[in-house]
Structure formats: C-alpha cells, structure tokens
Amino acid sequence: MVGSLAMLTGQHTPSVEAFVESFTDRLEAMGRNLAMISGRHWHGLPFRVIVEAELALVVSLDDPRVTFSGPELMLSVRATKQTARMTHEMVTNAVRHGCFSVPG
C-alpha cells in the first residue's frame, strides 16, 4: 500500500521536495484513516465522518462553504479506505486550487 502510494506520488511531482511534502501528507491521511477504523474495531465508517475528518484539518466545519445533507451512508472497511484517499485528494485540491484556496 505504501509502495503504490509512493509510485503514485512520484508520477506527479516535479521535485524531491514536492514529493516528500505530498507523500508525507498522503501517508498522514492514510494513518488518520486507519486509526479511525481501528478505533471502531475494524468496522467501516460513515461517509460523513471521513469527509469531516479531512475538512476539519483545513477549515472550520462551521464555515458557510461547508454544508452536509442527505442520509447517513455506512461504508465497509475497504470502501472506507478508498473513500478516505479520494476525500483527502479532493480536499487537498480544494485547498490548492478551489474554494478553500482563498478566504471566504
């Protein structure tokens, strides 16, 4: 898992410094996710919990740009891992290029 993460990161980084930053960030996200799964005795997580955990690192969940609606969606462990990786990438992109790249 870590090896594939390194290969994926290496394909899209222009320098060693950028690789280290991106790889470390992704590794920390993976660690957070595994800690949450472990805390639930290796059961999946609700989708909202995954999204909130990633967003809380970059913006207040009370920020008007953040809204949640819809039914609770419980994910399997496998789906939790995949969804957490995808969510991390989406939040990272929103910070770099999207709605969280500028104040308000």
PDB file of N, CA and C in Angstrom:
ATOM      1  N   MET A   1       0.823  -1.187   0.000  1.00  0.00           N
ATOM      2  CA  MET A   1       0.000   0.000   0.000  1.00  0.00           C
ATOM      3  C   MET A   1       0.875   1.261   0.000  1.00  0.00           C
ATOM      4  N   VAL A   2       1.880   1.263   0.842  1.00  0.00           N
ATOM      5  CA  VAL A   2       2.784   2.415   0.912  1.00  0.00           C
ATOM      6  C   VAL A   2       3.587   2.533  -0.373  1.00  0.00           C
ATOM      7  N   GLY A   3       4.013   1.407  -0.922  1.00  0.00           N
ATOM      8  CA  GLY A   3       4.766   1.426  -2.174  1.00  0.00           C
ATOM      9  C   GLY A   3       3.950   2.005  -3.313  1.00  0.00           C
ATOM     10  N   SER A   4       2.698   1.603  -3.432  1.00  0.00           N
ATOM     11  CA  SER A   4       1.862   2.149  -4.502  1.00  0.00           C
ATOM     12  C   SER A   4       1.590   3.626  -4.271  1.00  0.00           C
ATOM     13  N   LEU A   5       1.473   4.034  -3.016  1.00  0.00           N
ATOM     14  CA  LEU A   5       1.306   5.443  -2.686  1.00  0.00           C
ATOM     15  C   LEU A   5       2.535   6.243  -3.128  1.00  0.00           C
ATOM     16  N   ALA A   6       3.714   5.693  -2.905  1.00  0.00           N
ATOM     17  CA  ALA A   6       4.958   6.352  -3.317  1.00  0.00           C
ATOM     18  C   ALA A   6       5.034   6.462  -4.835  1.00  0.00           C
ATOM     19  N   MET A   7       4.668   5.395  -5.540  1.00  0.00           N
ATOM     20  CA  MET A   7       4.725   5.419  -7.003  1.00  0.00           C
ATOM     21  C   MET A   7       3.729   6.434  -7.567  1.00  0.00           C
ATOM     22  N   LEU A   8       2.528   6.460  -7.024  1.00  0.00           N
ATOM     23  CA  LEU A   8       1.519   7.413  -7.469  1.00  0.00           C
ATOM     24  C   LEU A   8       2.003   8.842  -7.242  1.00  0.00           C
ATOM     25  N   THR A   9       2.547   9.090  -6.082  1.00  0.00           N
ATOM     26  CA  THR A   9       3.040  10.429  -5.750  1.00  0.00           C
ATOM     27  C   THR A   9       4.201  10.817  -6.659  1.00  0.00           C
ATOM     28  N   GLY A  10       5.097   9.895  -6.906  1.00  0.00           N
ATOM     29  CA  GLY A  10       6.270  10.169  -7.733  1.00  0.00           C
ATOM     30  C   GLY A  10       5.944  10.502  -9.171  1.00  0.00           C
ATOM     31  N   GLN A  11       4.828  10.012  -9.669  1.00  0.00           N
ATOM     32  CA  GLN A  11       4.454  10.263 -11.057  1.00  0.00           C
ATOM     33  C   GLN A  11       4.035  11.710 -11.304  1.00  0.00           C
ATOM     34  N   HIS A  12       3.671  12.420 -10.249  1.00  0.00           N
ATOM     35  CA  HIS A  12       3.098  13.753 -10.439  1.00  0.00           C
ATOM     36  C   HIS A  12       3.804  14.849  -9.649  1.00  0.00           C
ATOM     37  N   THR A  13       5.040  14.639  -9.267  1.00  0.00           N
ATOM     38  CA  THR A  13       5.746  15.674  -8.519  1.00  0.00           C
ATOM     39  C   THR A  13       6.992  16.111  -9.275  1.00  0.00           C
ATOM     40  N   PRO A  14       7.209  17.422  -9.343  1.00  0.00           N
ATOM     41  CA  PRO A  14       8.308  17.956 -10.139  1.00  0.00           C
ATOM     42  C   PRO A  14       9.672  17.959  -9.447  1.00  0.00           C
ATOM     43  N   SER A  15       9.691  17.748  -8.119  1.00  0.00           N
ATOM     44  CA  SER A  15      10.966  17.816  -7.405  1.00  0.00           C
ATOM     45  C   SER A  15      10.940  16.874  -6.202  1.00  0.00           C
ATOM     46  N   VAL A  16      12.109  16.638  -5.647  1.00  0.00           N
ATOM     47  CA  VAL A  16      12.213  15.797  -4.456  1.00  0.00           C
ATOM     48  C   VAL A  16      11.455  16.436  -3.300  1.00  0.00           C
ATOM     49  N   GLU A  17      11.572  17.743  -3.153  1.00  0.00           N
ATOM     50  CA  GLU A  17      10.890  18.452  -2.070  1.00  0.00           C
ATOM     51  C   GLU A  17       9.375  18.312  -2.195  1.00  0.00           C
ATOM     52  N   ALA A  18       8.867  18.459  -3.417  1.00  0.00           N
ATOM     53  CA  ALA A  18       7.429  18.320  -3.651  1.00  0.00           C
ATOM     54  C   ALA A  18       6.981  16.890  -3.376  1.00  0.00           C
ATOM     55  N   PHE A  19       7.819  15.915  -3.765  1.00  0.00           N
ATOM     56  CA  PHE A  19       7.499  14.518  -3.493  1.00  0.00           C
ATOM     57  C   PHE A  19       7.392  14.273  -1.997  1.00  0.00           C
ATOM     58  N   VAL A  20       8.367  14.726  -1.239  1.00  0.00           N
ATOM     59  CA  VAL A  20       8.377  14.496   0.212  1.00  0.00           C
ATOM     60  C   VAL A  20       7.137  15.120   0.848  1.00  0.00           C
ATOM     61  N   GLU A  21       6.820  16.347   0.458  1.00  0.00           N
ATOM     62  CA  GLU A  21       5.649  17.024   1.032  1.00  0.00           C
ATOM     63  C   GLU A  21       4.358  16.275   0.698  1.00  0.00           C
ATOM     64  N   SER A  22       4.176  15.931  -0.553  1.00  0.00           N
ATOM     65  CA  SER A  22       2.962  15.258  -0.986  1.00  0.00           C
ATOM     66  C   SER A  22       2.855  13.851  -0.408  1.00  0.00           C
ATOM     67  N   PHE A  23       3.962  13.115  -0.433  1.00  0.00           N
ATOM     68  CA  PHE A  23       3.968  11.749   0.080  1.00  0.00           C
ATOM     69  C   PHE A  23       3.691  11.733   1.585  1.00  0.00           C
ATOM     70  N   THR A  24       4.325  12.627   2.317  1.00  0.00           N
ATOM     71  CA  THR A  24       4.111  12.709   3.757  1.00  0.00           C
ATOM     72  C   THR A  24       2.667  13.051   4.071  1.00  0.00           C
ATOM     73  N   ASP A  25       2.107  13.985   3.322  1.00  0.00           N
ATOM     74  CA  ASP A  25       0.716  14.386   3.511  1.00  0.00           C
ATOM     75  C   ASP A  25      -0.226  13.204   3.277  1.00  0.00           C
ATOM     76  N   ARG A  26       0.007  12.460   2.207  1.00  0.00           N
ATOM     77  CA  ARG A  26      -0.838  11.297   1.897  1.00  0.00           C
ATOM     78  C   ARG A  26      -0.649  10.189   2.930  1.00  0.00           C
ATOM     79  N   LEU A  27       0.558   9.991   3.379  1.00  0.00           N
ATOM     80  CA  LEU A  27       0.832   8.966   4.389  1.00  0.00           C
ATOM     81  C   LEU A  27       0.135   9.308   5.711  1.00  0.00           C
ATOM     82  N   GLU A  28       0.172  10.578   6.096  1.00  0.00           N
ATOM     83  CA  GLU A  28      -0.515  11.003   7.311  1.00  0.00           C
ATOM     84  C   GLU A  28      -2.024  10.806   7.185  1.00  0.00           C
ATOM     85  N   ALA A  29      -2.580  11.090   6.017  1.00  0.00           N
ATOM     86  CA  ALA A  29      -4.013  10.878   5.792  1.00  0.00           C
ATOM     87  C   ALA A  29      -4.362   9.404   5.918  1.00  0.00           C
ATOM     88  N   MET A  30      -3.519   8.547   5.360  1.00  0.00           N
ATOM     89  CA  MET A  30      -3.744   7.108   5.467  1.00  0.00           C
ATOM     90  C   MET A  30      -3.683   6.669   6.926  1.00  0.00           C
ATOM     91  N   GLY A  31      -2.740   7.206   7.685  1.00  0.00           N
ATOM     92  CA  GLY A  31      -2.625   6.883   9.101  1.00  0.00           C
ATOM     93  C   GLY A  31      -3.850   7.318   9.892  1.00  0.00           C
ATOM     94  N   ARG A  32      -4.356   8.524   9.598  1.00  0.00           N
ATOM     95  CA  ARG A  32      -5.573   9.001  10.277  1.00  0.00           C
ATOM     96  C   ARG A  32      -6.729   8.059  10.011  1.00  0.00           C
ATOM     97  N   ASN A  33      -6.862   7.671   8.758  1.00  0.00           N
ATOM     98  CA  ASN A  33      -7.959   6.789   8.380  1.00  0.00           C
ATOM     99  C   ASN A  33      -7.857   5.440   9.084  1.00  0.00           C
ATOM    100  N   LEU A  34      -6.675   4.856   9.089  1.00  0.00           N
ATOM    101  CA  LEU A  34      -6.503   3.559   9.750  1.00  0.00           C
ATOM    102  C   LEU A  34      -6.741   3.671  11.256  1.00  0.00           C
ATOM    103  N   ALA A  35      -6.377   4.791  11.850  1.00  0.00           N
ATOM    104  CA  ALA A  35      -6.632   4.996  13.277  1.00  0.00           C
ATOM    105  C   ALA A  35      -8.132   5.066  13.553  1.00  0.00           C
ATOM    106  N   MET A  36      -8.873   5.723  12.672  1.00  0.00           N
ATOM    107  CA  MET A  36     -10.327   5.796  12.857  1.00  0.00           C
ATOM    108  C   MET A  36     -10.966   4.417  12.700  1.00  0.00           C
ATOM    109  N   ILE A  37     -10.509   3.647  11.710  1.00  0.00           N
ATOM    110  CA  ILE A  37     -11.043   2.295  11.513  1.00  0.00           C
ATOM    111  C   ILE A  37     -10.700   1.426  12.718  1.00  0.00           C
ATOM    112  N   SER A  38      -9.472   1.510  13.187  1.00  0.00           N
ATOM    113  CA  SER A  38      -9.043   0.738  14.348  1.00  0.00           C
ATOM    114  C   SER A  38      -9.874   1.103  15.577  1.00  0.00           C
ATOM    115  N   GLY A  39     -10.161   2.382  15.729  1.00  0.00           N
ATOM    116  CA  GLY A  39     -10.975   2.835  16.851  1.00  0.00           C
ATOM    117  C   GLY A  39     -12.393   2.303  16.820  1.00  0.00           C
ATOM    118  N   ARG A  40     -12.834   1.863  15.665  1.00  0.00           N
ATOM    119  CA  ARG A  40     -14.171   1.259  15.525  1.00  0.00           C
ATOM    120  C   ARG A  40     -14.077  -0.257  15.402  1.00  0.00           C
ATOM    121  N   HIS A  41     -12.978  -0.812  15.899  1.00  0.00           N
ATOM    122  CA  HIS A  41     -12.769  -2.267  15.923  1.00  0.00           C
ATOM    123  C   HIS A  41     -12.844  -2.879  14.525  1.00  0.00           C
ATOM    124  N   TRP A  42     -12.215  -2.198  13.573  1.00  0.00           N
ATOM    125  CA  TRP A  42     -12.080  -2.646  12.190  1.00  0.00           C
ATOM    126  C   TRP A  42     -13.426  -2.831  11.500  1.00  0.00           C
ATOM    127  N   HIS A  43     -14.313  -1.875  11.788  1.00  0.00           N
ATOM    128  CA  HIS A  43     -15.560  -1.764  11.043  1.00  0.00           C
ATOM    129  C   HIS A  43     -15.452  -0.507  10.199  1.00  0.00           C
ATOM    130  N   GLY A  44     -16.262  -0.426   9.164  1.00  0.00           N
ATOM    131  CA  GLY A  44     -16.240   0.749   8.305  1.00  0.00           C
ATOM    132  C   GLY A  44     -16.747   1.988   9.030  1.00  0.00           C
ATOM    133  N   LEU A  45     -16.654   3.103   8.347  1.00  0.00           N
ATOM    134  CA  LEU A  45     -17.061   4.386   8.906  1.00  0.00           C
ATOM    135  C   LEU A  45     -18.181   5.003   8.085  1.00  0.00           C
ATOM    136  N   PRO A  46     -18.962   5.874   8.702  1.00  0.00           N
ATOM    137  CA  PRO A  46     -19.923   6.646   7.915  1.00  0.00           C
ATOM    138  C   PRO A  46     -19.176   7.614   6.987  1.00  0.00           C
ATOM    139  N   PHE A  47     -19.695   7.811   5.802  1.00  0.00           N
ATOM    140  CA  PHE A  47     -19.081   8.698   4.819  1.00  0.00           C
ATOM    141  C   PHE A  47     -18.850  10.087   5.406  1.00  0.00           C
ATOM    142  N   ARG A  48     -19.828  10.602   6.129  1.00  0.00           N
ATOM    143  CA  ARG A  48     -19.715  11.943   6.698  1.00  0.00           C
ATOM    144  C   ARG A  48     -18.527  12.069   7.652  1.00  0.00           C
ATOM    145  N   VAL A  49     -18.254  11.041   8.435  1.00  0.00           N
ATOM    146  CA  VAL A  49     -17.125  11.058   9.370  1.00  0.00           C
ATOM    147  C   VAL A  49     -15.812  11.217   8.613  1.00  0.00           C
ATOM    148  N   ILE A  50     -15.690  10.532   7.500  1.00  0.00           N
ATOM    149  CA  ILE A  50     -14.479  10.609   6.683  1.00  0.00           C
ATOM    150  C   ILE A  50     -14.301  12.025   6.134  1.00  0.00           C
ATOM    151  N   VAL A  51     -15.355  12.576   5.571  1.00  0.00           N
ATOM    152  CA  VAL A  51     -15.288  13.913   4.981  1.00  0.00           C
ATOM    153  C   VAL A  51     -15.001  14.958   6.057  1.00  0.00           C
ATOM    154  N   GLU A  52     -15.692  14.858   7.187  1.00  0.00           N
ATOM    155  CA  GLU A  52     -15.472  15.828   8.265  1.00  0.00           C
ATOM    156  C   GLU A  52     -14.038  15.775   8.790  1.00  0.00           C
ATOM    157  N   ALA A  53     -13.480  14.582   8.905  1.00  0.00           N
ATOM    158  CA  ALA A  53     -12.114  14.449   9.423  1.00  0.00           C
ATOM    159  C   ALA A  53     -11.112  15.152   8.522  1.00  0.00           C
ATOM    160  N   GLU A  54     -11.263  15.027   7.222  1.00  0.00           N
ATOM    161  CA  GLU A  54     -10.343  15.688   6.293  1.00  0.00           C
ATOM    162  C   GLU A  54     -10.578  17.195   6.239  1.00  0.00           C
ATOM    163  N   LEU A  55     -11.836  17.604   6.185  1.00  0.00           N
ATOM    164  CA  LEU A  55     -12.139  19.028   6.122  1.00  0.00           C
ATOM    165  C   LEU A  55     -11.695  19.764   7.378  1.00  0.00           C
ATOM    166  N   ALA A  56     -11.855  19.135   8.527  1.00  0.00           N
ATOM    167  CA  ALA A  56     -11.521  19.789   9.801  1.00  0.00           C
ATOM    168  C   ALA A  56     -10.057  20.187   9.883  1.00  0.00           C
ATOM    169  N   LEU A  57      -9.214  19.569   9.086  1.00  0.00           N
ATOM    170  CA  LEU A  57      -7.795  19.910   9.073  1.00  0.00           C
ATOM    171  C   LEU A  57      -7.516  21.227   8.356  1.00  0.00           C
ATOM    172  N   VAL A  58      -8.446  21.668   7.522  1.00  0.00           N
ATOM    173  CA  VAL A  58      -8.176  22.851   6.710  1.00  0.00           C
ATOM    174  C   VAL A  58      -9.179  23.980   6.889  1.00  0.00           C
ATOM    175  N   VAL A  59     -10.352  23.690   7.422  1.00  0.00           N
ATOM    176  CA  VAL A  59     -11.397  24.709   7.546  1.00  0.00           C
ATOM    177  C   VAL A  59     -12.327  24.327   8.691  1.00  0.00           C
ATOM    178  N   SER A  60     -12.912  25.328   9.306  1.00  0.00           N
ATOM    179  CA  SER A  60     -13.895  25.067  10.354  1.00  0.00           C
ATOM    180  C   SER A  60     -15.134  24.427   9.723  1.00  0.00           C
ATOM    181  N   LEU A  61     -15.681  23.444  10.378  1.00  0.00           N
ATOM    182  CA  LEU A  61     -16.882  22.804   9.851  1.00  0.00           C
ATOM    183  C   LEU A  61     -18.095  23.727   9.947  1.00  0.00           C
ATOM    184  N   ASP A  62     -17.944  24.858  10.660  1.00  0.00           N
ATOM    185  CA  ASP A  62     -18.990  25.882  10.722  1.00  0.00           C
ATOM    186  C   ASP A  62     -18.879  26.883   9.571  1.00  0.00           C
ATOM    187  N   ASP A  63     -17.836  26.783   8.779  1.00  0.00           N
ATOM    188  CA  ASP A  63     -17.633  27.684   7.641  1.00  0.00           C
ATOM    189  C   ASP A  63     -18.840  27.578   6.709  1.00  0.00           C
ATOM    190  N   PRO A  64     -19.361  28.720   6.240  1.00  0.00           N
ATOM    191  CA  PRO A  64     -20.533  28.665   5.360  1.00  0.00           C
ATOM    192  C   PRO A  64     -20.294  27.936   4.034  1.00  0.00           C
ATOM    193  N   ARG A  65     -19.036  27.721   3.663  1.00  0.00           N
ATOM    194  CA  ARG A  65     -18.755  26.972   2.434  1.00  0.00           C
ATOM    195  C   ARG A  65     -18.919  25.472   2.634  1.00  0.00           C
ATOM    196  N   VAL A  66     -19.115  25.050   3.879  1.00  0.00           N
ATOM    197  CA  VAL A  66     -19.245  23.621   4.199  1.00  0.00           C
ATOM    198  C   VAL A  66     -20.677  23.331   4.612  1.00  0.00           C
ATOM    199  N   THR A  67     -21.337  22.485   3.859  1.00  0.00           N
ATOM    200  CA  THR A  67     -22.685  22.045   4.233  1.00  0.00           C
ATOM    201  C   THR A  67     -22.793  20.544   4.006  1.00  0.00           C
ATOM    202  N   PHE A  68     -23.585  19.916   4.823  1.00  0.00           N
ATOM    203  CA  PHE A  68     -23.834  18.478   4.707  1.00  0.00           C
ATOM    204  C   PHE A  68     -25.335  18.253   4.648  1.00  0.00           C
ATOM    205  N   SER A  69     -25.747  17.333   3.807  1.00  0.00           N
ATOM    206  CA  SER A  69     -27.155  16.938   3.777  1.00  0.00           C
ATOM    207  C   SER A  69     -27.244  15.525   3.222  1.00  0.00           C
ATOM    208  N   GLY A  70     -28.341  14.893   3.499  1.00  0.00           N
ATOM    209  CA  GLY A  70     -28.570  13.557   2.985  1.00  0.00           C
ATOM    210  C   GLY A  70     -28.492  12.499   4.068  1.00  0.00           C
ATOM    211  N   PRO A  71     -28.854  11.288   3.713  1.00  0.00           N
ATOM    212  CA  PRO A  71     -28.859  10.203   4.689  1.00  0.00           C
ATOM    213  C   PRO A  71     -27.440   9.746   5.033  1.00  0.00           C
ATOM    214  N   GLU A  72     -27.318   9.094   6.173  1.00  0.00           N
ATOM    215  CA  GLU A  72     -26.023   8.537   6.570  1.00  0.00           C
ATOM    216  C   GLU A  72     -25.707   7.351   5.670  1.00  0.00           C
ATOM    217  N   LEU A  73     -24.473   7.293   5.225  1.00  0.00           N
ATOM    218  CA  LEU A  73     -24.017   6.203   4.370  1.00  0.00           C
ATOM    219  C   LEU A  73     -22.881   5.483   5.087  1.00  0.00           C
ATOM    220  N   MET A  74     -23.129   4.272   5.538  1.00  0.00           N
ATOM    221  CA  MET A  74     -22.118   3.477   6.228  1.00  0.00           C
ATOM    222  C   MET A  74     -21.312   2.715   5.179  1.00  0.00           C
ATOM    223  N   LEU A  75     -19.995   2.801   5.278  1.00  0.00           N
ATOM    224  CA  LEU A  75     -19.107   2.155   4.318  1.00  0.00           C
ATOM    225  C   LEU A  75     -18.432   0.939   4.933  1.00  0.00           C
ATOM    226  N   SER A  76     -18.082  -0.023   4.112  1.00  0.00           N
ATOM    227  CA  SER A  76     -17.285  -1.162   4.556  1.00  0.00           C
ATOM    228  C   SER A  76     -15.862  -0.679   4.833  1.00  0.00           C
ATOM    229  N   VAL A  77     -15.042  -1.515   5.422  1.00  0.00           N
ATOM    230  CA  VAL A  77     -13.654  -1.132   5.683  1.00  0.00           C
ATOM    231  C   VAL A  77     -12.932  -0.813   4.378  1.00  0.00           C
ATOM    232  N   ARG A  78     -13.095  -1.659   3.398  1.00  0.00           N
ATOM    233  CA  ARG A  78     -12.439  -1.430   2.099  1.00  0.00           C
ATOM    234  C   ARG A  78     -12.907  -0.117   1.479  1.00  0.00           C
ATOM    235  N   ALA A  79     -14.215   0.107   1.470  1.00  0.00           N
ATOM    236  CA  ALA A  79     -14.749   1.344   0.903  1.00  0.00           C
ATOM    237  C   ALA A  79     -14.306   2.553   1.723  1.00  0.00           C
ATOM    238  N   THR A  80     -14.179   2.377   3.029  1.00  0.00           N
ATOM    239  CA  THR A  80     -13.709   3.462   3.888  1.00  0.00           C
ATOM    240  C   THR A  80     -12.297   3.877   3.496  1.00  0.00           C
ATOM    241  N   LYS A  81     -11.415   2.913   3.295  1.00  0.00           N
ATOM    242  CA  LYS A  81     -10.035   3.218   2.918  1.00  0.00           C
ATOM    243  C   LYS A  81      -9.977   3.954   1.586  1.00  0.00           C
ATOM    244  N   GLN A  82     -10.727   3.463   0.601  1.00  0.00           N
ATOM    245  CA  GLN A  82     -10.715   4.080  -0.724  1.00  0.00           C
ATOM    246  C   GLN A  82     -11.344   5.464  -0.705  1.00  0.00           C
ATOM    247  N   THR A  83     -12.435   5.588   0.017  1.00  0.00           N
ATOM    248  CA  THR A  83     -13.117   6.876   0.107  1.00  0.00           C
ATOM    249  C   THR A  83     -12.262   7.893   0.844  1.00  0.00           C
ATOM    250  N   ALA A  84     -11.552   7.467   1.861  1.00  0.00           N
ATOM    251  CA  ALA A  84     -10.682   8.382   2.611  1.00  0.00           C
ATOM    252  C   ALA A  84      -9.560   8.902   1.721  1.00  0.00           C
ATOM    253  N   ARG A  85      -8.972   8.047   0.881  1.00  0.00           N
ATOM    254  CA  ARG A  85      -7.919   8.506  -0.037  1.00  0.00           C
ATOM    255  C   ARG A  85      -8.480   9.526  -1.031  1.00  0.00           C
ATOM    256  N   MET A  86      -9.644   9.209  -1.583  1.00  0.00           N
ATOM    257  CA  MET A  86     -10.278  10.108  -2.550  1.00  0.00           C
ATOM    258  C   MET A  86     -10.636  11.441  -1.881  1.00  0.00           C
ATOM    259  N   THR A  87     -11.193  11.379  -0.696  1.00  0.00           N
ATOM    260  CA  THR A  87     -11.588  12.598   0.010  1.00  0.00           C
ATOM    261  C   THR A  87     -10.372  13.455   0.332  1.00  0.00           C
ATOM    262  N   HIS A  88      -9.292  12.825   0.762  1.00  0.00           N
ATOM    263  CA  HIS A  88      -8.064  13.572   1.038  1.00  0.00           C
ATOM    264  C   HIS A  88      -7.601  14.313  -0.208  1.00  0.00           C
ATOM    265  N   GLU A  89      -7.606  13.654  -1.347  1.00  0.00           N
ATOM    266  CA  GLU A  89      -7.172  14.280  -2.601  1.00  0.00           C
ATOM    267  C   GLU A  89      -8.087  15.440  -2.971  1.00  0.00           C
ATOM    268  N   MET A  90      -9.384  15.264  -2.795  1.00  0.00           N
ATOM    269  CA  MET A  90     -10.333  16.324  -3.143  1.00  0.00           C
ATOM    270  C   MET A  90     -10.168  17.542  -2.229  1.00  0.00           C
ATOM    271  N   VAL A  91      -9.990  17.305  -0.940  1.00  0.00           N
ATOM    272  CA  VAL A  91      -9.791  18.419  -0.012  1.00  0.00           C
ATOM    273  C   VAL A  91      -8.468  19.120  -0.308  1.00  0.00           C
ATOM    274  N   THR A  92      -7.425  18.349  -0.577  1.00  0.00           N
ATOM    275  CA  THR A  92      -6.126  18.934  -0.927  1.00  0.00           C
ATOM    276  C   THR A  92      -6.252  19.815  -2.169  1.00  0.00           C
ATOM    277  N   ASN A  93      -6.959  19.344  -3.174  1.00  0.00           N
ATOM    278  CA  ASN A  93      -7.154  20.132  -4.395  1.00  0.00           C
ATOM    279  C   ASN A  93      -7.979  21.388  -4.125  1.00  0.00           C
ATOM    280  N   ALA A  94      -8.972  21.287  -3.249  1.00  0.00           N
ATOM    281  CA  ALA A  94      -9.781  22.462  -2.901  1.00  0.00           C
ATOM    282  C   ALA A  94      -8.937  23.508  -2.184  1.00  0.00           C
ATOM    283  N   VAL A  95      -7.962  23.062  -1.392  1.00  0.00           N
ATOM    284  CA  VAL A  95      -7.068  23.993  -0.696  1.00  0.00           C
ATOM    285  C   VAL A  95      -6.100  24.637  -1.679  1.00  0.00           C
ATOM    286  N   ARG A  96      -5.586  23.875  -2.612  1.00  0.00           N
ATOM    287  CA  ARG A  96      -4.596  24.399  -3.557  1.00  0.00           C
ATOM    288  C   ARG A  96      -5.213  25.222  -4.684  1.00  0.00           C
ATOM    289  N   HIS A  97      -6.377  24.759  -5.176  1.00  0.00           N
ATOM    290  CA  HIS A  97      -6.906  25.355  -6.405  1.00  0.00           C
ATOM    291  C   HIS A  97      -8.368  25.787  -6.334  1.00  0.00           C
ATOM    292  N   GLY A  98      -9.072  25.375  -5.322  1.00  0.00           N
ATOM    293  CA  GLY A  98     -10.515  25.566  -5.300  1.00  0.00           C
ATOM    294  C   GLY A  98     -11.019  26.513  -4.234  1.00  0.00           C
ATOM    295  N   CYS A  99     -12.176  26.184  -3.693  1.00  0.00           N
ATOM    296  CA  CYS A  99     -12.881  27.102  -2.807  1.00  0.00           C
ATOM    297  C   CYS A  99     -12.144  27.406  -1.497  1.00  0.00           C
ATOM    298  N   PHE A 100     -11.237  26.560  -1.072  1.00  0.00           N
ATOM    299  CA  PHE A 100     -10.506  26.830   0.156  1.00  0.00           C
ATOM    300  C   PHE A 100      -9.141  27.469  -0.104  1.00  0.00           C
ATOM    301  N   SER A 101      -8.881  27.854  -1.349  1.00  0.00           N
ATOM    302  CA  SER A 101      -7.600  28.480  -1.687  1.00  0.00           C
ATOM    303  C   SER A 101      -7.622  29.985  -1.427  1.00  0.00           C
ATOM    304  N   VAL A 102      -8.817  30.529  -1.186  1.00  0.00           N
ATOM    305  CA  VAL A 102      -8.959  31.959  -0.895  1.00  0.00           C
ATOM    306  C   VAL A 102      -9.846  32.111   0.342  1.00  0.00           C
ATOM    307  N   PRO A 103      -9.645  33.158   1.117  1.00  0.00           N
ATOM    308  CA  PRO A 103     -10.502  33.372   2.281  1.00  0.00           C
ATOM    309  C   PRO A 103     -11.949  33.608   1.869  1.00  0.00           C
ATOM    310  N   GLY A 104     -12.857  33.075   2.652  1.00  0.00           N
ATOM    311  CA  GLY A 104     -14.289  33.313   2.413  1.00  0.00           C
ATOM    312  C   GLY A 104     -14.794  32.700   1.144  1.00  0.00           C
TER     313      GLY A 104
END
